[in-house]
Amino acid sequence: MRDNARMSKIIVTGAAGFIGMHVAQALLARGDEVVGIDNLNDYYIPQLKHDRLAHLAQQPGAERFRFEPLDVADNAALQTLFEGTQATGVVHLAAQAGVRYSITNPHAYAQSNLVGFVNILEACRHHGTKHLVYASSSSVYGGNARMPFSERDGVDHPVSLYAATKKANELMAHTYSHLYGLPTTGLRFFTVYGPWGRPDMAPMLFAKAILAGEPIKVFNHGQMQRDFTYIDDIVAGVIGTLDRTPQADPGFDRLAPDASRSWAPYRVFNIGRSEPVQLMDFIRTLEDALGRSAILDLQPMAPGDVAATYANVSALGEWTGLQPQVDLAEGIRRFANWYRQYHLG
């Protein structure tokens, strides 16, 4: 249920990104006004980001979309934009992404994911934001072995700097919820895929290599599980949580604290399919959709990676009334169709 009926102006950071573009499109489709922020950096080919923005410009409601090329780490520019926008809701998706990249480029994560995040919190605090929804990650579960991952589990043993910055975001958000009453909701995304996806993620890397007849790198010799989640289900969860502002939990027990909620207006949710897939099964499904066989280059486990992810999404379902709708076969079919059209014409 949408309990913020007057929430009509939304700032979406990372609006030229994979999830950001889809979230902005869905908000426009339902009548909201959207201000998109993105620094259009070259972590991956910027042309894809420009093409996403061009796609947004062709969608229903595009006249209600305004794009600002802005880095969230630029505090002065960010504060000026917030002051001039007076948005009631913020969906913060801008971040330096990628587990493996964090091993060789740690300062990029500190700047974007830590400095940028505190800038967002300060902007929300000072400019009337009613609700901040932000991207966390399934990677915060780190070395946890208990499956499925629950928001009630501890997340104190990250195995990558990227994961550590996302855990830090959750802690920073809680601080602002406690000190300033800023309602915040963190979303731990589980392996998002679909049209317009990031080229450094497995679906795009695999599709490109399979169609080119080149080997694909398969880490941990294929002994991996991922909770692959189609982009439409992710977007539904993002907007579903945006529409319900967390309140302080009067029943919060400080002697037996639940890590997913608080005495402050703060919540954290898993957002995934809750149906982990063996990596080799994923590859076979992609082969079927593309009509080509993959050449496998079996590799050991990559540093900072984990063998399996599996989301318990019961809390998100109770909060929003939503359940994942798109299974792997259908999601891969849609992805493969888009990939051919975008890359092959």
C-alpha atoms as a PDB file:
ATOM      1  CA  MET A   1       0.000   0.000   0.000  1.00  0.00           C
ATOM      2  CA  ARG A   2       1.310   3.443  -0.914  1.00  0.00           C
ATOM      3  CA  ASP A   3       1.158   5.434   2.332  1.00  0.00           C
ATOM      4  CA  ASN A   4       3.017   8.455   0.861  1.00  0.00           C
ATOM      5  CA  ALA A   5       0.344   9.522  -1.623  1.00  0.00           C
ATOM      6  CA  ARG A   6       1.816  13.030  -1.911  1.00  0.00           C
ATOM      7  CA  MET A   7       5.335  11.779  -2.633  1.00  0.00           C
ATOM      8  CA  SER A   8       5.567  12.979  -6.210  1.00  0.00           C
ATOM      9  CA  LYS A   9       9.088  14.412  -6.585  1.00  0.00           C
ATOM     10  CA  ILE A  10      11.828  11.827  -6.227  1.00  0.00           C
ATOM     11  CA  ILE A  11      15.598  12.163  -6.540  1.00  0.00           C
ATOM     12  CA  VAL A  12      17.181   9.020  -8.014  1.00  0.00           C
ATOM     13  CA  THR A  13      20.959   8.865  -7.762  1.00  0.00           C
ATOM     14  CA  GLY A  14      22.760   6.578 -10.191  1.00  0.00           C
ATOM     15  CA  ALA A  15      19.939   7.250 -12.660  1.00  0.00           C
ATOM     16  CA  ALA A  16      22.080   6.283 -15.654  1.00  0.00           C
ATOM     17  CA  GLY A  17      22.915   2.963 -14.010  1.00  0.00           C
ATOM     18  CA  PHE A  18      21.237  -0.394 -14.520  1.00  0.00           C
ATOM     19  CA  ILE A  19      18.846  -0.352 -11.566  1.00  0.00           C
ATOM     20  CA  GLY A  20      18.577   3.445 -11.478  1.00  0.00           C
ATOM     21  CA  MET A  21      17.316   3.718 -15.044  1.00  0.00           C
ATOM     22  CA  HIS A  22      14.632   1.097 -14.461  1.00  0.00           C
ATOM     23  CA  VAL A  23      13.525   2.682 -11.175  1.00  0.00           C
ATOM     24  CA  ALA A  24      13.305   6.127 -12.784  1.00  0.00           C
ATOM     25  CA  GLN A  25      11.283   4.672 -15.667  1.00  0.00           C
ATOM     26  CA  ALA A  26       8.800   3.020 -13.298  1.00  0.00           C
ATOM     27  CA  LEU A  27       8.407   6.195 -11.221  1.00  0.00           C
ATOM     28  CA  LEU A  28       7.722   8.248 -14.346  1.00  0.00           C
ATOM     29  CA  ALA A  29       5.223   5.669 -15.579  1.00  0.00           C
ATOM     30  CA  ARG A  30       3.118   6.083 -12.436  1.00  0.00           C
ATOM     31  CA  GLY A  31       3.171   9.887 -12.590  1.00  0.00           C
ATOM     32  CA  ASP A  32       6.018  10.957 -10.325  1.00  0.00           C
ATOM     33  CA  GLU A  33       8.483  13.728 -11.114  1.00  0.00           C
ATOM     34  CA  VAL A  34      12.067  12.436 -11.128  1.00  0.00           C
ATOM     35  CA  VAL A  35      15.379  14.244 -10.842  1.00  0.00           C
ATOM     36  CA  GLY A  36      18.174  11.892 -11.883  1.00  0.00           C
ATOM     37  CA  ILE A  37      21.799  12.221 -10.771  1.00  0.00           C
ATOM     38  CA  ASP A  38      24.786  10.367 -12.205  1.00  0.00           C
ATOM     39  CA  ASN A  39      28.474  11.187 -12.672  1.00  0.00           C
ATOM     40  CA  LEU A  40      28.671   9.036 -15.848  1.00  0.00           C
ATOM     41  CA  ASN A  41      32.092   7.705 -14.854  1.00  0.00           C
ATOM     42  CA  ASP A  42      34.141   5.289 -16.931  1.00  0.00           C
ATOM     43  CA  TYR A  43      34.106   2.255 -14.596  1.00  0.00           C
ATOM     44  CA  TYR A  44      32.431   0.658 -17.606  1.00  0.00           C
ATOM     45  CA  ILE A  45      31.737   2.085 -21.047  1.00  0.00           C
ATOM     46  CA  PRO A  46      29.917   5.408 -20.582  1.00  0.00           C
ATOM     47  CA  GLN A  47      28.056   4.941 -23.879  1.00  0.00           C
ATOM     48  CA  LEU A  48      25.787   2.390 -22.203  1.00  0.00           C
ATOM     49  CA  LYS A  49      24.896   4.989 -19.571  1.00  0.00           C
ATOM     50  CA  HIS A  50      24.138   7.588 -22.227  1.00  0.00           C
ATOM     51  CA  ASP A  51      22.004   5.037 -24.079  1.00  0.00           C
ATOM     52  CA  ARG A  52      20.025   4.319 -20.913  1.00  0.00           C
ATOM     53  CA  LEU A  53      19.333   8.025 -20.531  1.00  0.00           C
ATOM     54  CA  ALA A  54      18.270   8.207 -24.186  1.00  0.00           C
ATOM     55  CA  HIS A  55      15.930   5.273 -23.542  1.00  0.00           C
ATOM     56  CA  LEU A  56      14.425   7.125 -20.572  1.00  0.00           C
ATOM     57  CA  ALA A  57      13.863  10.179 -22.748  1.00  0.00           C
ATOM     58  CA  GLN A  58      11.618   8.087 -25.012  1.00  0.00           C
ATOM     59  CA  GLN A  59       9.414   6.676 -22.234  1.00  0.00           C
ATOM     60  CA  PRO A  60       5.959   7.844 -21.141  1.00  0.00           C
ATOM     61  CA  GLY A  61       6.321  10.660 -18.629  1.00  0.00           C
ATOM     62  CA  ALA A  62       9.778  11.680 -19.899  1.00  0.00           C
ATOM     63  CA  GLU A  63       8.736  15.329 -19.683  1.00  0.00           C
ATOM     64  CA  ARG A  64       8.767  14.876 -15.872  1.00  0.00           C
ATOM     65  CA  PHE A  65      12.398  13.700 -15.870  1.00  0.00           C
ATOM     66  CA  ARG A  66      15.347  16.023 -15.341  1.00  0.00           C
ATOM     67  CA  PHE A  67      18.921  14.780 -15.448  1.00  0.00           C
ATOM     68  CA  GLU A  68      21.867  16.383 -13.650  1.00  0.00           C
ATOM     69  CA  PRO A  69      25.437  15.150 -14.333  1.00  0.00           C
ATOM     70  CA  LEU A  70      26.630  15.280 -10.750  1.00  0.00           C
ATOM     71  CA  ASP A  71      28.913  13.261  -8.470  1.00  0.00           C
ATOM     72  CA  VAL A  72      27.470  12.553  -5.024  1.00  0.00           C
ATOM     73  CA  ALA A  73      31.005  12.981  -3.641  1.00  0.00           C
ATOM     74  CA  ASP A  74      30.770  16.672  -4.656  1.00  0.00           C
ATOM     75  CA  ASN A  75      29.059  17.890  -1.515  1.00  0.00           C
ATOM     76  CA  ALA A  76      28.578  21.533  -2.515  1.00  0.00           C
ATOM     77  CA  ALA A  77      26.926  20.647  -5.823  1.00  0.00           C
ATOM     78  CA  LEU A  78      24.763  17.981  -4.167  1.00  0.00           C
ATOM     79  CA  GLN A  79      23.501  20.339  -1.457  1.00  0.00           C
ATOM     80  CA  THR A  80      22.668  22.976  -4.080  1.00  0.00           C
ATOM     81  CA  LEU A  81      20.674  20.458  -6.105  1.00  0.00           C
ATOM     82  CA  PHE A  82      18.734  19.251  -3.056  1.00  0.00           C
ATOM     83  CA  GLU A  83      17.991  22.808  -2.006  1.00  0.00           C
ATOM     84  CA  GLY A  84      16.614  23.662  -5.429  1.00  0.00           C
ATOM     85  CA  THR A  85      14.653  20.428  -5.820  1.00  0.00           C
ATOM     86  CA  GLN A  86      12.915  19.982  -2.449  1.00  0.00           C
ATOM     87  CA  ALA A  87      12.176  16.348  -3.213  1.00  0.00           C
ATOM     88  CA  THR A  88      10.194  14.393  -0.668  1.00  0.00           C
ATOM     89  CA  GLY A  89      11.807  11.022  -1.441  1.00  0.00           C
ATOM     90  CA  VAL A  90      15.301   9.884  -2.396  1.00  0.00           C
ATOM     91  CA  VAL A  91      16.320   6.575  -3.969  1.00  0.00           C
ATOM     92  CA  HIS A  92      20.088   6.421  -3.576  1.00  0.00           C
ATOM     93  CA  LEU A  93      21.609   3.908  -5.999  1.00  0.00           C
ATOM     94  CA  ALA A  94      24.816   5.731  -6.973  1.00  0.00           C
ATOM     95  CA  ALA A  95      27.889   3.824  -5.788  1.00  0.00           C
ATOM     96  CA  GLN A  96      31.135   2.344  -6.932  1.00  0.00           C
ATOM     97  CA  ALA A  97      30.036  -1.188  -7.732  1.00  0.00           C
ATOM     98  CA  GLY A  98      31.919  -4.459  -8.121  1.00  0.00           C
ATOM     99  CA  VAL A  99      33.531  -6.803  -5.608  1.00  0.00           C
ATOM    100  CA  ARG A 100      36.701  -7.592  -7.582  1.00  0.00           C
ATOM    101  CA  TYR A 101      37.386  -3.986  -8.597  1.00  0.00           C
ATOM    102  CA  SER A 102      37.501  -3.018  -4.910  1.00  0.00           C
ATOM    103  CA  ILE A 103      40.636  -5.108  -4.450  1.00  0.00           C
ATOM    104  CA  THR A 104      42.654  -3.001  -6.880  1.00  0.00           C
ATOM    105  CA  ASN A 105      40.890   0.374  -6.574  1.00  0.00           C
ATOM    106  CA  PRO A 106      39.941   0.820  -2.900  1.00  0.00           C
ATOM    107  CA  HIS A 107      39.977   4.624  -2.912  1.00  0.00           C
ATOM    108  CA  ALA A 108      37.168   4.744  -5.495  1.00  0.00           C
ATOM    109  CA  TYR A 109      34.941   2.948  -2.967  1.00  0.00           C
ATOM    110  CA  ALA A 110      35.873   5.209  -0.076  1.00  0.00           C
ATOM    111  CA  GLN A 111      35.100   8.296  -2.141  1.00  0.00           C
ATOM    112  CA  SER A 112      31.814   7.201  -3.704  1.00  0.00           C
ATOM    113  CA  ASN A 113      30.370   4.782  -1.163  1.00  0.00           C
ATOM    114  CA  LEU A 114      31.455   6.483   2.069  1.00  0.00           C
ATOM    115  CA  VAL A 115      31.995  10.184   1.338  1.00  0.00           C
ATOM    116  CA  GLY A 116      29.145  10.182  -1.176  1.00  0.00           C
ATOM    117  CA  PHE A 117      26.796   8.446   1.235  1.00  0.00           C
ATOM    118  CA  VAL A 118      27.365  10.850   4.117  1.00  0.00           C
ATOM    119  CA  ASN A 119      26.779  13.700   1.656  1.00  0.00           C
ATOM    120  CA  ILE A 120      23.420  12.125   0.753  1.00  0.00           C
ATOM    121  CA  LEU A 121      22.516  11.741   4.421  1.00  0.00           C
ATOM    122  CA  GLU A 122      23.379  15.368   5.116  1.00  0.00           C
ATOM    123  CA  ALA A 123      21.402  16.542   2.090  1.00  0.00           C
ATOM    124  CA  CYS A 124      18.370  14.528   3.194  1.00  0.00           C
ATOM    125  CA  ARG A 125      18.696  15.820   6.751  1.00  0.00           C
ATOM    126  CA  HIS A 126      18.814  19.479   5.773  1.00  0.00           C
ATOM    127  CA  HIS A 127      16.372  19.593   2.863  1.00  0.00           C
ATOM    128  CA  GLY A 128      13.153  18.005   4.023  1.00  0.00           C
ATOM    129  CA  THR A 129      13.490  14.454   2.703  1.00  0.00           C
ATOM    130  CA  LYS A 130      10.667  12.306   4.063  1.00  0.00           C
ATOM    131  CA  HIS A 131      12.233   8.940   3.223  1.00  0.00           C
ATOM    132  CA  LEU A 132      15.643   7.723   2.009  1.00  0.00           C
ATOM    133  CA  VAL A 133      15.779   4.333   0.305  1.00  0.00           C
ATOM    134  CA  TYR A 134      19.345   3.237  -0.439  1.00  0.00           C
ATOM    135  CA  ALA A 135      21.181   0.346  -2.032  1.00  0.00           C
ATOM    136  CA  SER A 136      22.972  -2.038   0.261  1.00  0.00           C
ATOM    137  CA  SER A 137      24.114  -5.436  -1.029  1.00  0.00           C
ATOM    138  CA  SER A 138      23.894  -9.160  -0.387  1.00  0.00           C
ATOM    139  CA  SER A 139      27.694  -9.018  -0.136  1.00  0.00           C
ATOM    140  CA  VAL A 140      27.351  -7.724   3.449  1.00  0.00           C
ATOM    141  CA  TYR A 141      26.703 -11.324   4.523  1.00  0.00           C
ATOM    142  CA  GLY A 142      30.363 -12.057   3.771  1.00  0.00           C
ATOM    143  CA  GLY A 143      31.541 -15.227   5.461  1.00  0.00           C
ATOM    144  CA  ASN A 144      28.091 -16.201   6.768  1.00  0.00           C
ATOM    145  CA  ALA A 145      27.300 -19.835   6.002  1.00  0.00           C
ATOM    146  CA  ARG A 146      23.752 -20.088   7.336  1.00  0.00           C
ATOM    147  CA  MET A 147      21.271 -20.162   4.464  1.00  0.00           C
ATOM    148  CA  PRO A 148      19.036 -18.488   3.490  1.00  0.00           C
ATOM    149  CA  PHE A 149      20.522 -15.165   4.525  1.00  0.00           C
ATOM    150  CA  SER A 150      18.231 -13.353   6.954  1.00  0.00           C
ATOM    151  CA  GLU A 151      18.272  -9.671   7.879  1.00  0.00           C
ATOM    152  CA  ARG A 152      18.357 -10.813  11.488  1.00  0.00           C
ATOM    153  CA  ASP A 153      21.782 -12.419  10.936  1.00  0.00           C
ATOM    154  CA  GLY A 154      24.949 -10.599  11.903  1.00  0.00           C
ATOM    155  CA  VAL A 155      26.958  -9.076   9.051  1.00  0.00           C
ATOM    156  CA  ASP A 156      30.229  -8.403  10.826  1.00  0.00           C
ATOM    157  CA  HIS A 157      32.571 -10.470   8.648  1.00  0.00           C
ATOM    158  CA  PRO A 158      32.787  -8.906   5.162  1.00  0.00           C
ATOM    159  CA  VAL A 159      35.200 -10.474   2.654  1.00  0.00           C
ATOM    160  CA  SER A 160      35.593  -7.474   0.324  1.00  0.00           C
ATOM    161  CA  LEU A 161      36.004  -3.737   0.746  1.00  0.00           C
ATOM    162  CA  TYR A 162      32.868  -3.227  -1.349  1.00  0.00           C
ATOM    163  CA  ALA A 163      30.897  -5.261   1.214  1.00  0.00           C
ATOM    164  CA  ALA A 164      32.458  -3.307   4.061  1.00  0.00           C
ATOM    165  CA  THR A 165      31.346   0.000   2.539  1.00  0.00           C
ATOM    166  CA  LYS A 166      27.782  -1.286   2.196  1.00  0.00           C
ATOM    167  CA  LYS A 167      27.736  -2.433   5.817  1.00  0.00           C
ATOM    168  CA  ALA A 168      29.064   1.013   6.729  1.00  0.00           C
ATOM    169  CA  ASN A 169      26.173   2.602   4.792  1.00  0.00           C
ATOM    170  CA  GLU A 170      23.673   0.693   6.913  1.00  0.00           C
ATOM    171  CA  LEU A 171      25.390   1.855  10.109  1.00  0.00           C
ATOM    172  CA  MET A 172      25.555   5.460   8.911  1.00  0.00           C
ATOM    173  CA  ALA A 173      21.882   5.379   7.934  1.00  0.00           C
ATOM    174  CA  HIS A 174      20.920   4.094  11.363  1.00  0.00           C
ATOM    175  CA  THR A 175      22.847   6.901  13.004  1.00  0.00           C
ATOM    176  CA  TYR A 176      20.916   9.530  11.037  1.00  0.00           C
ATOM    177  CA  SER A 177      17.622   7.757  11.696  1.00  0.00           C
ATOM    178  CA  HIS A 178      18.426   7.853  15.434  1.00  0.00           C
ATOM    179  CA  LEU A 179      19.914  11.343  15.706  1.00  0.00           C
ATOM    180  CA  TYR A 180      17.686  13.244  13.287  1.00  0.00           C
ATOM    181  CA  GLY A 181      14.602  11.059  12.821  1.00  0.00           C
ATOM    182  CA  LEU A 182      15.403  10.568   9.114  1.00  0.00           C
ATOM    183  CA  PRO A 183      13.439   7.526   7.911  1.00  0.00           C
ATOM    184  CA  THR A 184      15.816   5.195   6.045  1.00  0.00           C
ATOM    185  CA  THR A 185      15.355   1.853   4.314  1.00  0.00           C
ATOM    186  CA  GLY A 186      18.314  -0.218   3.127  1.00  0.00           C
ATOM    187  CA  LEU A 187      17.896  -2.837   0.409  1.00  0.00           C
ATOM    188  CA  ARG A 188      20.307  -5.750   0.121  1.00  0.00           C
ATOM    189  CA  PHE A 189      20.194  -6.581  -3.584  1.00  0.00           C
ATOM    190  CA  PHE A 190      20.840 -10.164  -4.687  1.00  0.00           C
ATOM    191  CA  THR A 191      22.492 -10.648  -8.137  1.00  0.00           C
ATOM    192  CA  VAL A 192      20.322  -8.431 -10.323  1.00  0.00           C
ATOM    193  CA  TYR A 193      20.105  -9.200 -14.050  1.00  0.00           C
ATOM    194  CA  GLY A 194      18.044  -8.200 -17.064  1.00  0.00           C
ATOM    195  CA  PRO A 195      17.973  -5.766 -20.013  1.00  0.00           C
ATOM    196  CA  TRP A 196      20.378  -2.817 -19.811  1.00  0.00           C
ATOM    197  CA  GLY A 197      22.519  -4.692 -17.273  1.00  0.00           C
ATOM    198  CA  ARG A 198      26.055  -3.840 -16.251  1.00  0.00           C
ATOM    199  CA  PRO A 199      28.693  -5.212 -18.640  1.00  0.00           C
ATOM    200  CA  ASP A 200      30.925  -6.357 -15.771  1.00  0.00           C
ATOM    201  CA  MET A 201      28.258  -8.758 -14.494  1.00  0.00           C
ATOM    202  CA  ALA A 202      28.085 -12.440 -15.437  1.00  0.00           C
ATOM    203  CA  PRO A 203      25.020 -12.329 -17.754  1.00  0.00           C
ATOM    204  CA  MET A 204      26.558  -9.658 -19.986  1.00  0.00           C
ATOM    205  CA  LEU A 205      30.066 -11.137 -19.882  1.00  0.00           C
ATOM    206  CA  PHE A 206      28.758 -14.615 -20.652  1.00  0.00           C
ATOM    207  CA  ALA A 207      26.407 -13.524 -23.443  1.00  0.00           C
ATOM    208  CA  LYS A 208      29.152 -11.538 -25.166  1.00  0.00           C
ATOM    209  CA  ALA A 209      31.624 -14.428 -25.015  1.00  0.00           C
ATOM    210  CA  ILE A 210      29.112 -17.117 -26.041  1.00  0.00           C
ATOM    211  CA  LEU A 211      27.996 -15.197 -29.125  1.00  0.00           C
ATOM    212  CA  ALA A 212      31.621 -14.454 -30.050  1.00  0.00           C
ATOM    213  CA  GLY A 213      32.686 -18.089 -29.618  1.00  0.00           C
ATOM    214  CA  GLU A 214      35.111 -17.123 -26.848  1.00  0.00           C
ATOM    215  CA  PRO A 215      35.682 -18.831 -23.482  1.00  0.00           C
ATOM    216  CA  ILE A 216      33.841 -17.616 -20.392  1.00  0.00           C
ATOM    217  CA  LYS A 217      35.585 -17.516 -17.025  1.00  0.00           C
ATOM    218  CA  VAL A 218      33.742 -19.751 -14.571  1.00  0.00           C
ATOM    219  CA  PHE A 219      35.009 -19.180 -11.052  1.00  0.00           C
ATOM    220  CA  ASN A 220      35.305 -21.821  -8.337  1.00  0.00           C
ATOM    221  CA  HIS A 221      35.132 -24.364 -11.161  1.00  0.00           C
ATOM    222  CA  GLY A 222      31.415 -23.685 -11.459  1.00  0.00           C
ATOM    223  CA  GLN A 223      30.661 -24.624  -7.844  1.00  0.00           C
ATOM    224  CA  MET A 224      28.738 -21.412  -7.222  1.00  0.00           C
ATOM    225  CA  GLN A 225      25.150 -20.540  -6.378  1.00  0.00           C
ATOM    226  CA  ARG A 226      23.532 -17.184  -6.934  1.00  0.00           C
ATOM    227  CA  ASP A 227      20.076 -15.869  -6.083  1.00  0.00           C
ATOM    228  CA  PHE A 228      19.558 -14.358  -9.560  1.00  0.00           C
ATOM    229  CA  THR A 229      16.845 -11.687  -9.386  1.00  0.00           C
ATOM    230  CA  TYR A 230      15.194 -10.165 -12.438  1.00  0.00           C
ATOM    231  CA  ILE A 231      15.236  -6.385 -12.679  1.00  0.00           C
ATOM    232  CA  ASP A 232      11.434  -5.976 -12.688  1.00  0.00           C
ATOM    233  CA  ASP A 233      11.195  -7.707  -9.304  1.00  0.00           C
ATOM    234  CA  ILE A 234      13.954  -5.464  -7.964  1.00  0.00           C
ATOM    235  CA  VAL A 235      12.177  -2.315  -9.179  1.00  0.00           C
ATOM    236  CA  ALA A 236       8.894  -3.433  -7.632  1.00  0.00           C
ATOM    237  CA  GLY A 237      10.672  -3.908  -4.307  1.00  0.00           C
ATOM    238  CA  VAL A 238      12.434  -0.551  -4.465  1.00  0.00           C
ATOM    239  CA  ILE A 239       9.214   1.334  -5.155  1.00  0.00           C
ATOM    240  CA  GLY A 240       7.238  -0.783  -2.703  1.00  0.00           C
ATOM    241  CA  THR A 241       9.608   0.161   0.094  1.00  0.00           C
ATOM    242  CA  LEU A 242       9.767   3.806  -1.024  1.00  0.00           C
ATOM    243  CA  ASP A 243       5.995   3.974  -0.624  1.00  0.00           C
ATOM    244  CA  ARG A 244       6.047   2.810   2.984  1.00  0.00           C
ATOM    245  CA  THR A 245       8.030   4.978   5.368  1.00  0.00           C
ATOM    246  CA  PRO A 246       9.508   3.113   8.357  1.00  0.00           C
ATOM    247  CA  GLN A 247       8.476   4.162  11.812  1.00  0.00           C
ATOM    248  CA  ALA A 248      10.190   3.676  15.148  1.00  0.00           C
ATOM    249  CA  ASP A 249       9.515   0.175  16.476  1.00  0.00           C
ATOM    250  CA  PRO A 250       8.068   0.566  19.997  1.00  0.00           C
ATOM    251  CA  GLY A 251       8.560  -3.152  20.609  1.00  0.00           C
ATOM    252  CA  PHE A 252      12.278  -3.136  19.816  1.00  0.00           C
ATOM    253  CA  ASP A 253      14.105  -5.214  22.435  1.00  0.00           C
ATOM    254  CA  ARG A 254      17.547  -3.798  23.206  1.00  0.00           C
ATOM    255  CA  LEU A 255      18.411  -6.915  25.190  1.00  0.00           C
ATOM    256  CA  ALA A 256      17.797  -9.100  22.119  1.00  0.00           C
ATOM    257  CA  PRO A 257      18.155  -6.656  19.205  1.00  0.00           C
ATOM    258  CA  ASP A 258      16.861  -7.486  15.742  1.00  0.00           C
ATOM    259  CA  ALA A 259      19.524  -6.233  13.316  1.00  0.00           C
ATOM    260  CA  SER A 260      16.931  -5.419  10.631  1.00  0.00           C
ATOM    261  CA  ARG A 261      14.919  -2.844  12.639  1.00  0.00           C
ATOM    262  CA  SER A 262      15.337  -0.315  15.415  1.00  0.00           C
ATOM    263  CA  TRP A 263      13.822   2.053  17.957  1.00  0.00           C
ATOM    264  CA  ALA A 264      14.590   4.621  15.210  1.00  0.00           C
ATOM    265  CA  PRO A 265      12.708   4.893  11.858  1.00  0.00           C
ATOM    266  CA  TYR A 266      15.071   2.426  10.172  1.00  0.00           C
ATOM    267  CA  ARG A 267      14.635  -0.827   8.251  1.00  0.00           C
ATOM    268  CA  VAL A 268      16.828  -3.165   6.202  1.00  0.00           C
ATOM    269  CA  PHE A 269      15.448  -5.751   3.762  1.00  0.00           C
ATOM    270  CA  ASN A 270      16.764  -8.487   1.518  1.00  0.00           C
ATOM    271  CA  ILE A 271      15.512  -8.153  -2.036  1.00  0.00           C
ATOM    272  CA  GLY A 272      16.024 -11.271  -4.131  1.00  0.00           C
ATOM    273  CA  ARG A 273      14.314 -14.177  -5.850  1.00  0.00           C
ATOM    274  CA  SER A 274      14.821 -16.531  -2.878  1.00  0.00           C
ATOM    275  CA  GLU A 275      15.569 -19.365  -5.318  1.00  0.00           C
ATOM    276  CA  PRO A 276      19.343 -19.860  -5.685  1.00  0.00           C
ATOM    277  CA  VAL A 277      20.574 -21.299  -8.972  1.00  0.00           C
ATOM    278  CA  GLN A 278      23.710 -23.308  -9.635  1.00  0.00           C
ATOM    279  CA  LEU A 279      26.044 -21.309 -11.875  1.00  0.00           C
ATOM    280  CA  MET A 280      26.248 -24.155 -14.401  1.00  0.00           C
ATOM    281  CA  ASP A 281      22.436 -24.255 -14.605  1.00  0.00           C
ATOM    282  CA  PHE A 282      22.442 -20.517 -15.233  1.00  0.00           C
ATOM    283  CA  ILE A 283      24.937 -20.983 -18.059  1.00  0.00           C
ATOM    284  CA  ARG A 284      22.837 -23.747 -19.618  1.00  0.00           C
ATOM    285  CA  THR A 285      19.735 -21.544 -19.470  1.00  0.00           C
ATOM    286  CA  LEU A 286      21.632 -18.727 -21.177  1.00  0.00           C
ATOM    287  CA  GLU A 287      22.950 -21.140 -23.829  1.00  0.00           C
ATOM    288  CA  ASP A 288      19.392 -22.227 -24.593  1.00  0.00           C
ATOM    289  CA  ALA A 289      18.191 -18.630 -24.900  1.00  0.00           C
ATOM    290  CA  LEU A 290      21.071 -17.649 -27.192  1.00  0.00           C
ATOM    291  CA  GLY A 291      21.086 -20.876 -29.213  1.00  0.00           C
ATOM    292  CA  ARG A 292      24.841 -21.274 -28.726  1.00  0.00           C
ATOM    293  CA  SER A 293      27.096 -23.386 -26.523  1.00  0.00           C
ATOM    294  CA  ALA A 294      29.557 -21.876 -24.070  1.00  0.00           C
ATOM    295  CA  ILE A 295      33.281 -22.604 -23.960  1.00  0.00           C
ATOM    296  CA  LEU A 296      34.163 -22.921 -20.295  1.00  0.00           C
ATOM    297  CA  ASP A 297      37.382 -21.626 -18.742  1.00  0.00           C
ATOM    298  CA  LEU A 298      37.257 -23.052 -15.232  1.00  0.00           C
ATOM    299  CA  GLN A 299      38.962 -20.825 -12.660  1.00  0.00           C
ATOM    300  CA  PRO A 300      39.581 -20.990  -8.891  1.00  0.00           C
ATOM    301  CA  MET A 301      37.540 -18.846  -6.522  1.00  0.00           C
ATOM    302  CA  ALA A 302      38.180 -15.150  -7.049  1.00  0.00           C
ATOM    303  CA  PRO A 303      39.424 -13.102  -4.071  1.00  0.00           C
ATOM    304  CA  GLY A 304      36.583 -11.393  -2.204  1.00  0.00           C
ATOM    305  CA  ASP A 305      33.929 -13.641  -3.743  1.00  0.00           C
ATOM    306  CA  VAL A 306      31.545 -16.016  -1.956  1.00  0.00           C
ATOM    307  CA  ALA A 307      30.375 -19.459  -3.005  1.00  0.00           C
ATOM    308  CA  ALA A 308      26.651 -18.943  -2.534  1.00  0.00           C
ATOM    309  CA  THR A 309      23.937 -16.346  -1.968  1.00  0.00           C
ATOM    310  CA  TYR A 310      20.359 -17.085  -0.962  1.00  0.00           C
ATOM    311  CA  ALA A 311      17.871 -14.469   0.233  1.00  0.00           C
ATOM    312  CA  ASN A 312      15.157 -14.903   2.799  1.00  0.00           C
ATOM    313  CA  VAL A 313      12.662 -12.331   1.482  1.00  0.00           C
ATOM    314  CA  SER A 314       9.787 -12.986   3.886  1.00  0.00           C
ATOM    315  CA  ALA A 315      10.265  -9.634   5.657  1.00  0.00           C
ATOM    316  CA  LEU A 316      10.084  -7.692   2.395  1.00  0.00           C
ATOM    317  CA  GLY A 317       6.965  -9.621   1.404  1.00  0.00           C
ATOM    318  CA  GLU A 318       5.271  -8.787   4.689  1.00  0.00           C
ATOM    319  CA  TRP A 319       6.272  -5.112   4.414  1.00  0.00           C
ATOM    320  CA  THR A 320       5.241  -4.530   0.794  1.00  0.00           C
ATOM    321  CA  GLY A 321       2.888  -7.392  -0.078  1.00  0.00           C
ATOM    322  CA  LEU A 322       5.164  -8.242  -3.011  1.00  0.00           C
ATOM    323  CA  GLN A 323       6.635 -11.549  -4.115  1.00  0.00           C
ATOM    324  CA  PRO A 324       9.122 -12.234  -6.960  1.00  0.00           C
ATOM    325  CA  GLN A 325       7.301 -12.859 -10.234  1.00  0.00           C
ATOM    326  CA  VAL A 326       9.886 -13.602 -12.946  1.00  0.00           C
ATOM    327  CA  ASP A 327      11.611 -16.997 -12.961  1.00  0.00           C
ATOM    328  CA  LEU A 328      15.062 -17.596 -14.408  1.00  0.00           C
ATOM    329  CA  ALA A 329      13.987 -19.025 -17.763  1.00  0.00           C
ATOM    330  CA  GLU A 330      11.675 -16.096 -18.500  1.00  0.00           C
ATOM    331  CA  GLY A 331      14.133 -13.522 -17.216  1.00  0.00           C
ATOM    332  CA  ILE A 332      16.979 -14.916 -19.307  1.00  0.00           C
ATOM    333  CA  ARG A 333      14.719 -15.033 -22.374  1.00  0.00           C
ATOM    334  CA  ARG A 334      13.920 -11.334 -21.968  1.00  0.00           C
ATOM    335  CA  PHE A 335      17.575 -10.499 -21.341  1.00  0.00           C
ATOM    336  CA  ALA A 336      18.762 -12.450 -24.389  1.00  0.00           C
ATOM    337  CA  ASN A 337      16.196 -10.749 -26.633  1.00  0.00           C
ATOM    338  CA  TRP A 338      17.334  -7.318 -25.449  1.00  0.00           C
ATOM    339  CA  TYR A 339      21.006  -8.248 -25.794  1.00  0.00           C
ATOM    340  CA  ARG A 340      20.595  -9.280 -29.431  1.00  0.00           C
ATOM    341  CA  GLN A 341      18.639  -6.139 -30.258  1.00  0.00           C
ATOM    342  CA  TYR A 342      21.022  -3.759 -28.478  1.00  0.00           C
ATOM    343  CA  HIS A 343      24.342  -5.305 -29.505  1.00  0.00           C
ATOM    344  CA  LEU A 344      23.545  -7.054 -32.758  1.00  0.00           C
ATOM    345  CA  GLY A 345      20.756  -4.898 -34.155  1.00  0.00           C
END
